[in-house]
Protein backbone atom coordinates (compact mmCIF):
# COMPACT_ATOMS: atom_id res chain seq x y z
CA MET A 1 106.81 117.44 81.48
CA ILE A 2 105.31 114.75 83.71
CA ASP A 3 101.53 114.66 83.58
CA PHE A 4 98.55 112.49 84.51
CA THR A 5 95.50 112.05 82.31
CA LEU A 6 92.35 110.43 83.70
CA LEU A 7 90.82 108.38 80.88
CA HIS A 8 87.81 106.71 82.47
CA THR A 9 86.04 106.07 85.77
CA ASP A 10 84.14 102.81 86.17
CA LYS A 11 80.38 103.48 86.21
CA THR A 12 79.75 101.17 89.18
CA SER A 13 82.61 102.30 91.45
CA ARG A 14 85.34 104.91 91.90
CA ALA A 15 87.88 102.72 90.07
CA ARG A 16 89.86 104.72 87.50
CA ALA A 17 92.02 104.15 84.43
CA GLY A 18 94.57 106.75 83.43
CA VAL A 19 98.02 107.44 81.98
CA ILE A 20 101.09 109.06 83.56
CA GLN A 21 103.45 110.52 81.00
CA THR A 22 107.16 110.69 81.92
CA ASP A 23 110.34 111.27 79.94
CA HIS A 24 111.20 107.58 80.44
CA GLY A 25 107.87 106.33 79.10
CA ILE A 26 104.19 106.12 79.92
CA ILE A 27 102.63 104.37 82.90
CA GLN A 28 99.13 102.95 82.49
CA THR A 29 97.13 103.07 85.70
CA PRO A 30 96.13 101.38 87.89
CA ILE A 31 99.69 100.16 88.28
CA PHE A 32 101.80 98.13 90.69
CA MET A 33 105.45 99.11 91.13
CA PRO A 34 107.92 96.31 91.98
CA VAL A 35 110.20 97.39 94.82
CA GLY A 36 113.88 97.71 93.93
CA THR A 37 115.05 99.22 97.21
CA LEU A 38 118.79 99.09 96.47
CA ALA A 39 118.51 99.67 92.70
CA SER A 40 117.67 95.98 92.33
CA VAL A 41 114.41 94.05 92.49
CA LYS A 42 115.62 91.09 94.53
CA ALA A 43 116.17 87.87 92.52
CA VAL A 44 115.08 89.46 89.21
CA HIS A 45 117.36 90.67 86.41
CA GLN A 46 116.40 93.95 84.74
CA LYS A 47 115.88 92.14 81.42
CA GLU A 48 113.32 89.81 83.05
CA LEU A 49 111.72 92.73 84.86
CA ASP A 50 111.20 94.39 81.49
CA GLU A 51 110.42 91.47 79.19
CA VAL A 52 108.79 88.89 81.50
CA VAL A 53 107.19 90.92 84.29
CA LYS A 54 106.61 93.84 81.91
CA ALA A 55 107.00 96.32 84.76
CA GLN A 56 106.21 99.88 83.67
CA ILE A 57 107.85 101.57 86.66
CA ILE A 58 109.85 100.43 89.68
CA LEU A 59 110.54 101.93 93.10
CA SER A 60 113.89 102.55 94.78
CA ASN A 61 114.74 104.04 98.14
CA THR A 62 116.56 107.26 98.93
CA TYR A 63 117.61 106.24 102.45
CA HIS A 64 119.28 103.01 101.37
CA LEU A 65 120.95 104.40 98.25
CA TYR A 66 122.19 107.47 100.12
CA LEU A 67 123.97 105.17 102.58
CA ARG A 68 125.18 102.67 99.97
CA PRO A 69 126.61 103.17 97.38
CA GLY A 70 126.23 106.87 98.20
CA ASN A 71 125.42 110.05 96.29
CA GLU A 72 128.89 110.44 94.78
CA THR A 73 128.86 107.03 93.12
CA ILE A 74 125.32 107.47 91.77
CA GLN A 75 126.19 110.89 90.35
CA LEU A 76 129.39 109.60 88.73
CA ALA A 77 127.29 106.86 87.10
CA GLY A 78 124.95 109.47 85.63
CA GLY A 79 121.96 108.77 87.87
CA ILE A 80 120.08 105.68 88.95
CA HIS A 81 118.74 104.79 85.49
CA ALA A 82 122.27 104.54 84.09
CA PHE A 83 123.65 102.94 87.27
CA MET A 84 121.22 100.00 87.17
CA ASN A 85 120.60 100.01 83.41
CA TRP A 86 116.84 100.53 83.68
CA LYS A 87 115.36 102.67 80.93
CA LYS A 88 111.79 102.96 82.22
CA PRO A 89 110.42 105.28 84.95
CA ILE A 90 111.62 105.10 88.55
CA LEU A 91 109.98 106.44 91.70
CA THR A 92 112.14 107.06 94.77
CA ASP A 93 110.75 107.08 98.29
CA SER A 94 112.24 109.86 100.41
CA GLY A 95 113.38 107.53 103.19
CA GLY A 96 110.88 108.88 105.71
CA TYR A 97 109.36 105.46 106.37
CA GLN A 98 112.78 103.78 106.69
CA VAL A 99 113.88 106.38 109.22
CA PHE A 100 110.56 105.93 111.06
CA SER A 101 111.27 102.21 111.33
CA LEU A 102 114.62 102.94 113.02
CA SER A 103 112.86 103.96 116.23
CA GLU A 104 115.94 103.40 118.39
CA ARG A 105 118.27 105.14 115.94
CA ARG A 106 116.55 108.42 115.07
CA LYS A 107 115.48 111.73 116.57
CA VAL A 108 112.97 114.01 114.87
CA LYS A 109 113.58 117.75 115.15
CA PRO A 110 111.96 120.72 113.35
CA GLU A 111 114.98 121.02 111.06
CA GLY A 112 114.88 117.35 110.02
CA VAL A 113 115.58 113.88 111.32
CA TYR A 114 118.85 112.76 112.86
CA PHE A 115 119.59 109.06 112.55
CA SER A 116 122.28 106.42 112.82
CA SER A 117 123.04 104.21 109.85
CA HIS A 118 121.83 100.63 110.24
CA ILE A 119 125.01 99.60 108.37
CA ASP A 120 127.83 101.11 110.41
CA GLY A 121 126.21 103.35 113.05
CA SER A 122 127.44 106.58 111.41
CA LYS A 123 125.43 109.74 112.16
CA HIS A 124 123.37 111.53 109.50
CA LEU A 125 120.76 114.25 109.10
CA PHE A 126 117.94 114.21 106.56
CA THR A 127 116.27 117.56 105.92
CA PRO A 128 113.50 118.28 103.42
CA GLU A 129 116.09 120.07 101.30
CA SER A 130 118.82 117.41 101.49
CA VAL A 131 116.35 114.71 100.50
CA VAL A 132 115.43 116.72 97.40
CA ASP A 133 119.14 117.11 96.60
CA THR A 134 119.72 113.36 96.95
CA GLN A 135 116.76 112.58 94.69
CA ARG A 136 118.07 115.10 92.14
CA ILE A 137 121.31 113.10 92.19
CA LEU A 138 119.40 109.83 91.87
CA GLY A 139 117.51 111.29 88.93
CA SER A 140 114.24 109.47 89.63
CA ASP A 141 111.22 110.49 87.58
CA ILE A 142 108.96 110.76 90.63
CA MET A 143 110.46 111.90 93.93
CA MET A 144 108.69 111.85 97.28
CA ALA A 145 108.64 114.56 99.95
CA LEU A 146 110.25 113.87 103.32
CA ASP A 147 107.49 113.09 105.81
CA GLU A 148 107.12 111.69 109.30
CA CYS A 149 105.12 108.48 109.54
CA PRO A 150 103.53 108.24 113.01
CA ALA A 151 103.48 104.86 114.71
CA TYR A 152 100.29 102.85 115.05
CA PRO A 153 98.54 103.21 117.37
CA CYS A 154 99.19 106.77 118.43
CA THR A 155 97.19 109.42 120.26
CA LYS A 156 95.51 112.19 118.32
CA GLN A 157 97.83 114.70 119.98
CA ALA A 158 100.88 112.79 118.72
CA ALA A 159 99.35 112.42 115.24
CA LYS A 160 98.60 116.15 115.13
CA LYS A 161 102.16 117.07 116.16
CA SER A 162 103.56 114.68 113.56
CA LEU A 163 101.32 116.13 110.85
CA GLU A 164 102.52 119.66 111.58
CA ILE A 165 106.10 118.50 111.05
CA THR A 166 105.16 116.78 107.76
CA LYS A 167 103.39 119.93 106.53
CA SER A 168 106.35 122.14 107.42
CA TRP A 169 108.78 119.75 105.72
CA LEU A 170 106.59 119.58 102.61
CA ALA A 171 106.59 123.37 102.15
CA ARG A 172 110.37 123.51 102.57
CA GLY A 173 110.95 120.56 100.25
CA TYR A 174 108.65 121.94 97.56
CA TYR A 175 110.33 125.35 97.67
CA HIS A 176 113.77 123.73 97.34
CA PHE A 177 112.55 121.51 94.50
CA GLU A 178 111.25 124.56 92.63
CA ASN A 179 114.60 126.29 93.05
CA THR A 180 116.77 123.41 91.84
CA ASN A 181 117.06 121.71 88.46
CA PRO A 182 117.26 118.12 87.17
CA LEU A 183 120.81 116.91 86.57
CA TYR A 184 120.44 114.47 83.69
CA GLY A 185 118.20 116.13 81.11
CA HIS A 186 114.87 114.55 82.06
CA ASP A 187 111.98 116.00 84.04
CA GLN A 188 111.19 115.11 87.65
CA ILE A 189 108.17 115.76 89.84
CA PHE A 190 107.88 116.23 93.60
CA VAL A 191 105.04 114.43 95.39
CA PRO A 192 103.37 115.39 98.70
CA ILE A 193 102.41 112.62 101.14
CA ALA A 194 99.22 112.79 103.21
CA GLN A 195 99.53 111.70 106.85
CA GLY A 196 97.26 111.90 109.91
CA SER A 197 97.28 108.37 111.31
CA THR A 198 93.74 106.94 111.66
CA TYR A 199 92.06 110.28 112.42
CA ASP A 200 89.64 111.37 109.72
CA ASP A 201 89.87 115.12 110.36
CA LEU A 202 93.68 115.02 110.32
CA ARG A 203 93.67 113.07 107.04
CA ILE A 204 91.37 115.68 105.48
CA GLU A 205 93.51 118.51 106.85
CA SER A 206 96.64 116.92 105.41
CA ILE A 207 95.14 116.41 101.95
CA GLN A 208 93.69 119.90 101.80
CA TYR A 209 97.10 121.30 102.66
CA ASN A 210 98.90 119.09 100.14
CA ILE A 211 96.73 119.82 97.10
CA GLN A 212 97.84 123.45 97.05
CA PHE A 213 101.09 122.02 95.67
CA ASN A 214 99.57 121.19 92.31
CA THR A 215 101.31 118.06 91.07
CA ALA A 216 100.58 115.12 88.77
CA VAL A 217 100.73 112.63 91.68
CA GLN A 218 99.38 112.86 95.22
CA ALA A 219 100.35 110.20 97.78
CA ILE A 220 98.69 108.66 100.82
CA GLY A 221 101.19 107.53 103.46
CA GLY A 222 101.10 106.17 106.98
CA LEU A 223 98.80 103.24 106.24
CA SER A 224 99.57 99.52 106.19
CA VAL A 225 101.61 100.09 109.36
CA GLY A 226 99.60 97.73 111.58
CA GLU A 227 96.09 99.16 111.48
CA PRO A 228 93.14 96.80 110.77
CA ASP A 229 92.00 96.45 107.16
CA GLU A 230 88.72 98.18 107.96
CA ASP A 231 90.65 101.31 108.97
CA LEU A 232 92.77 101.08 105.83
CA TYR A 233 89.71 100.92 103.57
CA ARG A 234 87.83 103.62 105.47
CA LEU A 235 90.73 106.06 105.27
CA VAL A 236 91.41 105.31 101.60
CA LYS A 237 87.76 105.96 100.72
CA LEU A 238 87.83 109.16 102.75
CA SER A 239 91.06 110.32 101.12
CA THR A 240 89.92 109.77 97.55
CA GLN A 241 86.88 111.96 98.22
CA TYR A 242 89.22 114.91 98.79
CA LEU A 243 92.08 114.17 96.39
CA PRO A 244 91.85 115.97 93.02
CA GLN A 245 90.57 114.06 89.99
CA ASN A 246 93.42 115.31 87.81
CA SER A 247 96.20 113.79 89.94
CA ALA A 248 97.22 110.15 90.14
CA ARG A 249 96.59 108.74 93.65
CA TYR A 250 99.48 106.72 95.08
CA LEU A 251 98.82 104.52 98.13
CA MET A 252 102.23 103.79 99.62
CA GLY A 253 103.22 100.31 100.81
CA VAL A 254 99.95 98.46 100.05
CA GLY A 255 99.57 95.52 99.90
CA THR A 256 97.96 92.12 99.38
CA PRO A 257 96.06 91.34 96.14
CA VAL A 258 92.80 91.77 98.08
CA ASN A 259 93.98 95.13 99.47
CA ILE A 260 94.90 96.30 95.99
CA LEU A 261 91.57 95.42 94.38
CA ASN A 262 89.58 96.99 97.22
CA CYS A 263 91.66 100.16 97.02
CA ILE A 264 91.39 100.33 93.21
CA GLU A 265 87.64 100.23 93.75
CA ALA A 266 88.00 103.25 96.05
CA GLY A 267 89.90 105.24 93.40
CA ILE A 268 93.61 104.49 93.96
CA ASP A 269 95.88 104.47 90.90
CA MET A 270 99.38 103.46 92.10
CA PHE A 271 100.70 100.82 94.51
CA ASP A 272 103.99 99.40 95.75
CA CYS A 273 104.74 96.67 98.25
CA VAL A 274 107.57 94.27 99.10
CA LEU A 275 105.04 91.50 99.79
CA PRO A 276 105.09 89.68 96.41
CA SER A 277 108.89 89.50 96.21
CA ARG A 278 109.49 88.89 99.93
CA ASN A 279 106.87 86.14 100.16
CA ALA A 280 108.20 84.57 96.97
CA ARG A 281 111.59 84.07 98.59
CA HIS A 282 109.84 82.03 101.30
CA GLY A 283 107.89 79.90 98.82
CA ILE A 284 104.52 81.68 99.05
CA LEU A 285 103.03 82.12 95.57
CA TYR A 286 100.14 84.28 94.45
CA THR A 287 98.33 82.62 91.54
CA THR A 288 95.10 82.89 89.58
CA GLU A 289 93.88 79.78 91.43
CA GLY A 290 94.77 80.92 94.96
CA ILE A 291 97.69 81.19 97.38
CA VAL A 292 100.23 78.34 97.26
CA ASN A 293 102.87 77.36 99.81
CA ILE A 294 105.07 75.57 97.30
CA ARG A 295 107.13 73.91 100.05
CA ASN A 296 104.16 71.78 101.10
CA ARG A 297 104.41 68.06 100.33
CA LYS A 298 101.15 68.14 98.36
CA TRP A 299 103.00 69.72 95.41
CA LYS A 300 105.77 67.08 95.31
CA ASP A 301 104.27 65.20 92.34
CA ASP A 302 102.15 67.98 90.85
CA PHE A 303 103.39 68.41 87.29
CA SER A 304 100.90 71.12 86.32
CA PRO A 305 102.25 74.59 85.41
CA ILE A 306 102.94 76.97 88.29
CA ASP A 307 100.16 79.23 87.01
CA LYS A 308 98.55 78.62 83.64
CA GLY A 309 96.17 81.56 84.17
CA ILE A 310 98.72 84.29 83.43
CA ASN A 311 100.84 84.98 80.38
CA CYS A 312 104.20 84.48 82.09
CA PRO A 313 106.75 82.24 80.33
CA THR A 314 108.41 81.21 83.59
CA SER A 315 105.12 80.19 85.20
CA ASN A 316 103.94 78.32 82.11
CA GLN A 317 107.22 76.48 81.44
CA HIS A 318 107.92 75.13 84.96
CA THR A 319 105.82 72.83 87.12
CA LYS A 320 104.88 73.07 90.76
CA ALA A 321 106.79 69.84 91.45
CA TYR A 322 109.97 71.30 89.93
CA LEU A 323 109.70 74.58 91.84
CA ARG A 324 109.10 72.69 95.10
CA HIS A 325 112.18 70.58 94.41
CA LEU A 326 114.26 73.74 93.94
CA PHE A 327 113.08 75.20 97.26
CA ILE A 328 113.61 71.97 99.19
CA SER A 329 117.08 71.68 97.64
CA GLY A 330 118.02 75.26 98.48
CA GLU A 331 118.60 76.24 94.85
CA ILE A 332 118.83 79.99 94.13
CA LEU A 333 116.72 79.49 91.00
CA ALA A 334 113.74 78.76 93.28
CA MET A 335 113.61 82.36 94.47
CA GLN A 336 114.01 83.70 90.94
CA ILE A 337 111.12 81.67 89.52
CA ALA A 338 108.86 82.35 92.51
CA THR A 339 109.55 86.10 92.41
CA LEU A 340 108.80 86.24 88.69
CA GLN A 341 105.53 84.40 89.32
CA ASN A 342 104.39 86.79 92.03
CA LEU A 343 105.37 89.96 90.18
CA CYS A 344 103.77 88.69 86.97
CA PHE A 345 100.61 87.93 88.95
CA TYR A 346 100.49 91.42 90.50
CA LEU A 347 100.95 93.05 87.08
CA TYR A 348 98.30 90.71 85.64
CA LEU A 349 95.95 91.82 88.43
CA VAL A 350 96.28 95.58 87.84
CA ASN A 351 96.32 95.22 84.05
CA THR A 352 93.12 93.17 84.11
CA ALA A 353 91.58 95.67 86.53
CA ARG A 354 92.34 98.41 83.99
CA GLU A 355 90.62 96.47 81.19
CA LYS A 356 87.56 95.89 83.36
CA ILE A 357 87.40 99.56 84.37
CA LEU A 358 87.49 100.69 80.73
CA ASN A 359 84.58 98.29 80.03
CA ASN A 360 82.63 99.28 83.18
CA GLU A 361 82.93 95.70 84.45
CA PHE A 362 85.27 96.18 87.39
CA ASN A 363 82.87 95.39 90.22
CA ILE A 364 81.49 92.27 88.52
CA TRP A 365 85.01 90.95 87.91
CA LYS A 366 86.22 91.87 91.41
CA LYS A 367 83.37 89.95 93.08
CA GLU A 368 84.19 86.89 90.98
CA ILE A 369 87.97 86.90 91.42
CA LEU A 370 88.38 87.92 95.08
CA PRO A 371 87.24 84.59 96.61
CA ILE A 372 89.52 82.70 94.20
CA ILE A 373 92.77 84.62 94.64
CA SER A 374 92.41 84.92 98.43
CA ARG A 375 91.91 81.20 99.15
CA ARG A 376 94.80 79.03 100.34
CA LEU A 377 95.34 75.90 98.26
């Protein structure tokens, strides 16, 4: 049984602390999920992900794993946990966003979405039912419904048409989920995704439709796709007014540390984003002192720790000067250390937020830390 328990709501905001129980362990919310699209968080070994980053859950992607290595290989391995040797919870995205991003390679129809592989051009069809079947084979703890993510900007008419497709696919996917069984002896849940672009009434309509499918997690999709931050925050605040208290709220694909803290304040519980790992590979570090471009010459002779403000062995044991040297020299270790720093920082951020929520100090802490972590050093 996968379940969510709300433990406490901060007295000065909507920020929440809770626990998601899964067969692969508990997840303390608010939580950030490192993105392991291809059953691998880039530049980080699973042992480091567990023992250094202390990730409680990671995210993988149905679209990418369906194409490579493919359902047959994953099933022969005994599911994604066994395939990648990760014993903690995994959430799999349905692939809806990835297909959306292939604007020249896909065609949306009532039955599903036809698309061409970005790898070899081969033709495929995702339906709400086939995506459930693939995620049964993957064996993720939390599986996402197939949705259509409308482009930004889009007209209200286009957003409305897209929402009707997402609602139809959700009903079909949920029915198929209820009539199929897990393959590897652990429970799975099926999560609806709210859409509606930047239109308030469509967002409300989507959420009110989705909550009839009573589930431990409810997701908000279709944001962080190019809209201004003010629209992001407005729509998140609107959504959390209508989402049930007894479900974890998952905001998909968000975002920067500032985005995350502002959305925690609005009542969001779960986040994922490629930003910390992607930026790390380009030498951009998120630290408790601010944002660092480690390639800059100013760090050449800086022998202070990468980030002494977090309890991360890698960040405490190596200096900024050393990490800069690795990047300038093109050493692979540079990306590993930088990725560990950024993921450790993101986990530090949500874990500290949880502590402050439980002590009713979230807003005070947020006002103090936001100017520090958002400045460029």
